[in-house]
Amino acid sequence: MYLDQPFMAQAASAVYKPEPTTTDIEEMMFNQMMSHSMSQMEERMAEIKENLEKTNEDNA
């Protein structure tokens, strides 16, 4: 292997170049998913609360 050849030098440096790891990507996707499901859950909680209040008024 001759490192003075531009292509080979490029290939060799590419091996040692850190790239985003799968754990970084998984973490990003997980955080996105969690924030999405949290907002869905908050919406659902608000719905349930409204329904409860309505039911309480109907029963009063």
PDB file of N, CA and C in Angstrom:
ATOM      1  N   MET A   1       0.849  -1.197   0.000  1.00  0.00           N
ATOM      2  CA  MET A   1       0.000   0.000   0.000  1.00  0.00           C
ATOM      3  C   MET A   1       0.886   1.248   0.000  1.00  0.00           C
ATOM      4  N   TYR A   2       0.684   2.092  -0.990  1.00  0.00           N
ATOM      5  CA  TYR A   2       1.487   3.313  -1.102  1.00  0.00           C
ATOM      6  C   TYR A   2       0.630   4.507  -0.702  1.00  0.00           C
ATOM      7  N   LEU A   3       0.973   5.129   0.427  1.00  0.00           N
ATOM      8  CA  LEU A   3       0.176   6.252   0.920  1.00  0.00           C
ATOM      9  C   LEU A   3       0.414   7.536   0.140  1.00  0.00           C
ATOM     10  N   ASP A   4       1.447   7.519  -0.744  1.00  0.00           N
ATOM     11  CA  ASP A   4       1.669   8.716  -1.555  1.00  0.00           C
ATOM     12  C   ASP A   4       0.665   8.778  -2.705  1.00  0.00           C
ATOM     13  N   GLN A   5      -0.015   7.699  -2.971  1.00  0.00           N
ATOM     14  CA  GLN A   5      -1.068   7.728  -3.987  1.00  0.00           C
ATOM     15  C   GLN A   5      -2.309   8.363  -3.362  1.00  0.00           C
ATOM     16  N   PRO A   6      -2.855   9.391  -4.002  1.00  0.00           N
ATOM     17  CA  PRO A   6      -3.959  10.151  -3.396  1.00  0.00           C
ATOM     18  C   PRO A   6      -5.157   9.275  -3.001  1.00  0.00           C
ATOM     19  N   PHE A   7      -5.541   8.344  -3.867  1.00  0.00           N
ATOM     20  CA  PHE A   7      -6.708   7.515  -3.556  1.00  0.00           C
ATOM     21  C   PHE A   7      -6.474   6.665  -2.314  1.00  0.00           C
ATOM     22  N   MET A   8      -5.304   6.050  -2.238  1.00  0.00           N
ATOM     23  CA  MET A   8      -4.993   5.187  -1.100  1.00  0.00           C
ATOM     24  C   MET A   8      -4.935   5.992   0.198  1.00  0.00           C
ATOM     25  N   ALA A   9      -4.356   7.185   0.106  1.00  0.00           N
ATOM     26  CA  ALA A   9      -4.277   8.043   1.288  1.00  0.00           C
ATOM     27  C   ALA A   9      -5.687   8.413   1.755  1.00  0.00           C
ATOM     28  N   GLN A  10      -6.553   8.691   0.790  1.00  0.00           N
ATOM     29  CA  GLN A  10      -7.943   9.036   1.087  1.00  0.00           C
ATOM     30  C   GLN A  10      -8.644   7.863   1.770  1.00  0.00           C
ATOM     31  N   ALA A  11      -8.448   6.675   1.224  1.00  0.00           N
ATOM     32  CA  ALA A  11      -9.078   5.478   1.770  1.00  0.00           C
ATOM     33  C   ALA A  11      -8.586   5.218   3.191  1.00  0.00           C
ATOM     34  N   ALA A  12      -7.293   5.408   3.414  1.00  0.00           N
ATOM     35  CA  ALA A  12      -6.721   5.167   4.738  1.00  0.00           C
ATOM     36  C   ALA A  12      -7.271   6.161   5.759  1.00  0.00           C
ATOM     37  N   SER A  13      -7.413   7.431   5.354  1.00  0.00           N
ATOM     38  CA  SER A  13      -7.911   8.433   6.298  1.00  0.00           C
ATOM     39  C   SER A  13      -9.399   8.219   6.582  1.00  0.00           C
ATOM     40  N   ALA A  14     -10.112   7.673   5.603  1.00  0.00           N
ATOM     41  CA  ALA A  14     -11.545   7.436   5.781  1.00  0.00           C
ATOM     42  C   ALA A  14     -11.794   6.400   6.872  1.00  0.00           C
ATOM     43  N   VAL A  15     -10.865   5.470   7.027  1.00  0.00           N
ATOM     44  CA  VAL A  15     -11.018   4.417   8.031  1.00  0.00           C
ATOM     45  C   VAL A  15     -11.024   5.012   9.433  1.00  0.00           C
ATOM     46  N   TYR A  16     -10.217   6.023   9.661  1.00  0.00           N
ATOM     47  CA  TYR A  16     -10.048   6.574  11.009  1.00  0.00           C
ATOM     48  C   TYR A  16     -10.965   7.753  11.282  1.00  0.00           C
ATOM     49  N   LYS A  17     -11.773   8.137  10.302  1.00  0.00           N
ATOM     50  CA  LYS A  17     -12.644   9.292  10.479  1.00  0.00           C
ATOM     51  C   LYS A  17     -13.870   8.879  11.290  1.00  0.00           C
ATOM     52  N   PRO A  18     -14.093   9.503  12.438  1.00  0.00           N
ATOM     53  CA  PRO A  18     -15.287   9.140  13.203  1.00  0.00           C
ATOM     54  C   PRO A  18     -16.544   9.659  12.515  1.00  0.00           C
ATOM     55  N   GLU A  19     -17.538   8.828  12.411  1.00  0.00           N
ATOM     56  CA  GLU A  19     -18.807   9.246  11.831  1.00  0.00           C
ATOM     57  C   GLU A  19     -19.888   9.054  12.884  1.00  0.00           C
ATOM     58  N   PRO A  20     -21.073   9.607  12.645  1.00  0.00           N
ATOM     59  CA  PRO A  20     -22.121   9.420  13.652  1.00  0.00           C
ATOM     60  C   PRO A  20     -22.381   7.934  13.856  1.00  0.00           C
ATOM     61  N   THR A  21     -22.351   7.512  15.087  1.00  0.00           N
ATOM     62  CA  THR A  21     -22.534   6.092  15.383  1.00  0.00           C
ATOM     63  C   THR A  21     -24.018   5.743  15.357  1.00  0.00           C
ATOM     64  N   THR A  22     -24.308   4.457  15.291  1.00  0.00           N
ATOM     65  CA  THR A  22     -25.712   4.039  15.298  1.00  0.00           C
ATOM     66  C   THR A  22     -26.371   4.437  16.612  1.00  0.00           C
ATOM     67  N   THR A  23     -25.603   4.437  17.702  1.00  0.00           N
ATOM     68  CA  THR A  23     -26.200   4.808  18.994  1.00  0.00           C
ATOM     69  C   THR A  23     -26.619   6.271  18.987  1.00  0.00           C
ATOM     70  N   ASP A  24     -25.827   7.150  18.339  1.00  0.00           N
ATOM     71  CA  ASP A  24     -26.213   8.558  18.218  1.00  0.00           C
ATOM     72  C   ASP A  24     -27.542   8.670  17.483  1.00  0.00           C
ATOM     73  N   ILE A  25     -27.635   7.948  16.361  1.00  0.00           N
ATOM     74  CA  ILE A  25     -28.834   8.009  15.530  1.00  0.00           C
ATOM     75  C   ILE A  25     -30.028   7.416  16.273  1.00  0.00           C
ATOM     76  N   GLU A  26     -29.806   6.280  16.943  1.00  0.00           N
ATOM     77  CA  GLU A  26     -30.885   5.647  17.701  1.00  0.00           C
ATOM     78  C   GLU A  26     -31.377   6.558  18.814  1.00  0.00           C
ATOM     79  N   GLU A  27     -30.433   7.220  19.477  1.00  0.00           N
ATOM     80  CA  GLU A  27     -30.793   8.120  20.574  1.00  0.00           C
ATOM     81  C   GLU A  27     -31.647   9.267  20.052  1.00  0.00           C
ATOM     82  N   MET A  28     -31.246   9.815  18.892  1.00  0.00           N
ATOM     83  CA  MET A  28     -31.983  10.910  18.289  1.00  0.00           C
ATOM     84  C   MET A  28     -33.410  10.468  17.947  1.00  0.00           C
ATOM     85  N   MET A  29     -33.523   9.282  17.331  1.00  0.00           N
ATOM     86  CA  MET A  29     -34.839   8.767  16.958  1.00  0.00           C
ATOM     87  C   MET A  29     -35.692   8.482  18.190  1.00  0.00           C
ATOM     88  N   PHE A  30     -35.051   7.943  19.224  1.00  0.00           N
ATOM     89  CA  PHE A  30     -35.760   7.630  20.467  1.00  0.00           C
ATOM     90  C   PHE A  30     -36.311   8.905  21.095  1.00  0.00           C
ATOM     91  N   ASN A  31     -35.474   9.950  21.160  1.00  0.00           N
ATOM     92  CA  ASN A  31     -35.904  11.224  21.747  1.00  0.00           C
ATOM     93  C   ASN A  31     -37.058  11.826  20.961  1.00  0.00           C
ATOM     94  N   GLN A  32     -36.972  11.729  19.621  1.00  0.00           N
ATOM     95  CA  GLN A  32     -38.033  12.239  18.763  1.00  0.00           C
ATOM     96  C   GLN A  32     -39.332  11.494  19.058  1.00  0.00           C
ATOM     97  N   MET A  33     -39.237  10.171  19.127  1.00  0.00           N
ATOM     98  CA  MET A  33     -40.396   9.324  19.375  1.00  0.00           C
ATOM     99  C   MET A  33     -41.007   9.634  20.739  1.00  0.00           C
ATOM    100  N   MET A  34     -40.149   9.786  21.754  1.00  0.00           N
ATOM    101  CA  MET A  34     -40.631  10.049  23.105  1.00  0.00           C
ATOM    102  C   MET A  34     -41.364  11.377  23.172  1.00  0.00           C
ATOM    103  N   SER A  35     -40.808  12.416  22.559  1.00  0.00           N
ATOM    104  CA  SER A  35     -41.462  13.721  22.622  1.00  0.00           C
ATOM    105  C   SER A  35     -42.798  13.672  21.883  1.00  0.00           C
ATOM    106  N   HIS A  36     -42.843  12.868  20.796  1.00  0.00           N
ATOM    107  CA  HIS A  36     -44.094  12.730  20.048  1.00  0.00           C
ATOM    108  C   HIS A  36     -45.151  12.029  20.900  1.00  0.00           C
ATOM    109  N   SER A  37     -44.774  10.921  21.530  1.00  0.00           N
ATOM    110  CA  SER A  37     -45.752  10.174  22.320  1.00  0.00           C
ATOM    111  C   SER A  37     -46.140  10.947  23.575  1.00  0.00           C
ATOM    112  N   MET A  38     -45.224  11.773  24.100  1.00  0.00           N
ATOM    113  CA  MET A  38     -45.556  12.603  25.258  1.00  0.00           C
ATOM    114  C   MET A  38     -46.644  13.604  24.887  1.00  0.00           C
ATOM    115  N   SER A  39     -46.510  14.253  23.732  1.00  0.00           N
ATOM    116  CA  SER A  39     -47.517  15.230  23.335  1.00  0.00           C
ATOM    117  C   SER A  39     -48.848  14.543  23.047  1.00  0.00           C
ATOM    118  N   GLN A  40     -48.793  13.333  22.479  1.00  0.00           N
ATOM    119  CA  GLN A  40     -50.024  12.572  22.255  1.00  0.00           C
ATOM    120  C   GLN A  40     -50.694  12.245  23.586  1.00  0.00           C
ATOM    121  N   MET A  41     -49.884  11.858  24.558  1.00  0.00           N
ATOM    122  CA  MET A  41     -50.409  11.488  25.866  1.00  0.00           C
ATOM    123  C   MET A  41     -51.037  12.705  26.546  1.00  0.00           C
ATOM    124  N   GLU A  42     -50.389  13.860  26.423  1.00  0.00           N
ATOM    125  CA  GLU A  42     -50.929  15.081  27.024  1.00  0.00           C
ATOM    126  C   GLU A  42     -52.274  15.438  26.399  1.00  0.00           C
ATOM    127  N   GLU A  43     -52.374  15.280  25.063  1.00  0.00           N
ATOM    128  CA  GLU A  43     -53.647  15.539  24.386  1.00  0.00           C
ATOM    129  C   GLU A  43     -54.725  14.605  24.920  1.00  0.00           C
ATOM    130  N   ARG A  44     -54.383  13.339  25.038  1.00  0.00           N
ATOM    131  CA  ARG A  44     -55.334  12.324  25.521  1.00  0.00           C
ATOM    132  C   ARG A  44     -55.768  12.641  26.954  1.00  0.00           C
ATOM    133  N   MET A  45     -54.821  13.060  27.798  1.00  0.00           N
ATOM    134  CA  MET A  45     -55.131  13.407  29.187  1.00  0.00           C
ATOM    135  C   MET A  45     -56.113  14.576  29.226  1.00  0.00           C
ATOM    136  N   ALA A  46     -55.892  15.562  28.366  1.00  0.00           N
ATOM    137  CA  ALA A  46     -56.786  16.716  28.307  1.00  0.00           C
ATOM    138  C   ALA A  46     -58.193  16.276  27.901  1.00  0.00           C
ATOM    139  N   GLU A  47     -58.276  15.378  26.906  1.00  0.00           N
ATOM    140  CA  GLU A  47     -59.569  14.836  26.471  1.00  0.00           C
ATOM    141  C   GLU A  47     -60.283  14.145  27.626  1.00  0.00           C
ATOM    142  N   ILE A  48     -59.557  13.294  28.326  1.00  0.00           N
ATOM    143  CA  ILE A  48     -60.136  12.530  29.437  1.00  0.00           C
ATOM    144  C   ILE A  48     -60.631  13.481  30.521  1.00  0.00           C
ATOM    145  N   LYS A  49     -59.835  14.506  30.804  1.00  0.00           N
ATOM    146  CA  LYS A  49     -60.211  15.477  31.834  1.00  0.00           C
ATOM    147  C   LYS A  49     -61.508  16.194  31.442  1.00  0.00           C
ATOM    148  N   GLU A  50     -61.596  16.600  30.170  1.00  0.00           N
ATOM    149  CA  GLU A  50     -62.815  17.257  29.683  1.00  0.00           C
ATOM    150  C   GLU A  50     -64.018  16.334  29.836  1.00  0.00           C
ATOM    151  N   ASN A  51     -63.844  15.080  29.415  1.00  0.00           N
ATOM    152  CA  ASN A  51     -64.938  14.106  29.510  1.00  0.00           C
ATOM    153  C   ASN A  51     -65.363  13.888  30.955  1.00  0.00           C
ATOM    154  N   LEU A  52     -64.385  13.840  31.856  1.00  0.00           N
ATOM    155  CA  LEU A  52     -64.684  13.663  33.282  1.00  0.00           C
ATOM    156  C   LEU A  52     -65.497  14.836  33.814  1.00  0.00           C
ATOM    157  N   GLU A  53     -65.061  16.048  33.467  1.00  0.00           N
ATOM    158  CA  GLU A  53     -65.765  17.242  33.938  1.00  0.00           C
ATOM    159  C   GLU A  53     -67.189  17.260  33.401  1.00  0.00           C
ATOM    160  N   LYS A  54     -67.339  16.895  32.118  1.00  0.00           N
ATOM    161  CA  LYS A  54     -68.659  16.852  31.497  1.00  0.00           C
ATOM    162  C   LYS A  54     -69.538  15.827  32.216  1.00  0.00           C
ATOM    163  N   THR A  55     -68.984  14.652  32.492  1.00  0.00           N
ATOM    164  CA  THR A  55     -69.723  13.594  33.190  1.00  0.00           C
ATOM    165  C   THR A  55     -70.141  14.056  34.583  1.00  0.00           C
ATOM    166  N   ASN A  56     -69.240  14.735  35.276  1.00  0.00           N
ATOM    167  CA  ASN A  56     -69.549  15.242  36.619  1.00  0.00           C
ATOM    168  C   ASN A  56     -70.675  16.263  36.566  1.00  0.00           C
ATOM    169  N   GLU A  57     -70.656  17.129  35.543  1.00  0.00           N
ATOM    170  CA  GLU A  57     -71.719  18.127  35.397  1.00  0.00           C
ATOM    171  C   GLU A  57     -73.047  17.438  35.113  1.00  0.00           C
ATOM    172  N   ASP A  58     -73.004  16.422  34.227  1.00  0.00           N
ATOM    173  CA  ASP A  58     -74.229  15.681  33.879  1.00  0.00           C
ATOM    174  C   ASP A  58     -74.816  14.984  35.102  1.00  0.00           C
ATOM    175  N   ASN A  59     -73.957  14.480  35.968  1.00  0.00           N
ATOM    176  CA  ASN A  59     -74.415  13.749  37.151  1.00  0.00           C
ATOM    177  C   ASN A  59     -74.832  14.670  38.290  1.00  0.00           C
ATOM    178  N   ALA A  60     -74.436  15.932  38.219  1.00  0.00           N
ATOM    179  CA  ALA A  60     -74.729  16.863  39.315  1.00  0.00           C
ATOM    180  C   ALA A  60     -76.211  17.219  39.354  1.00  0.00           C
TER     181      ALA A  60
END
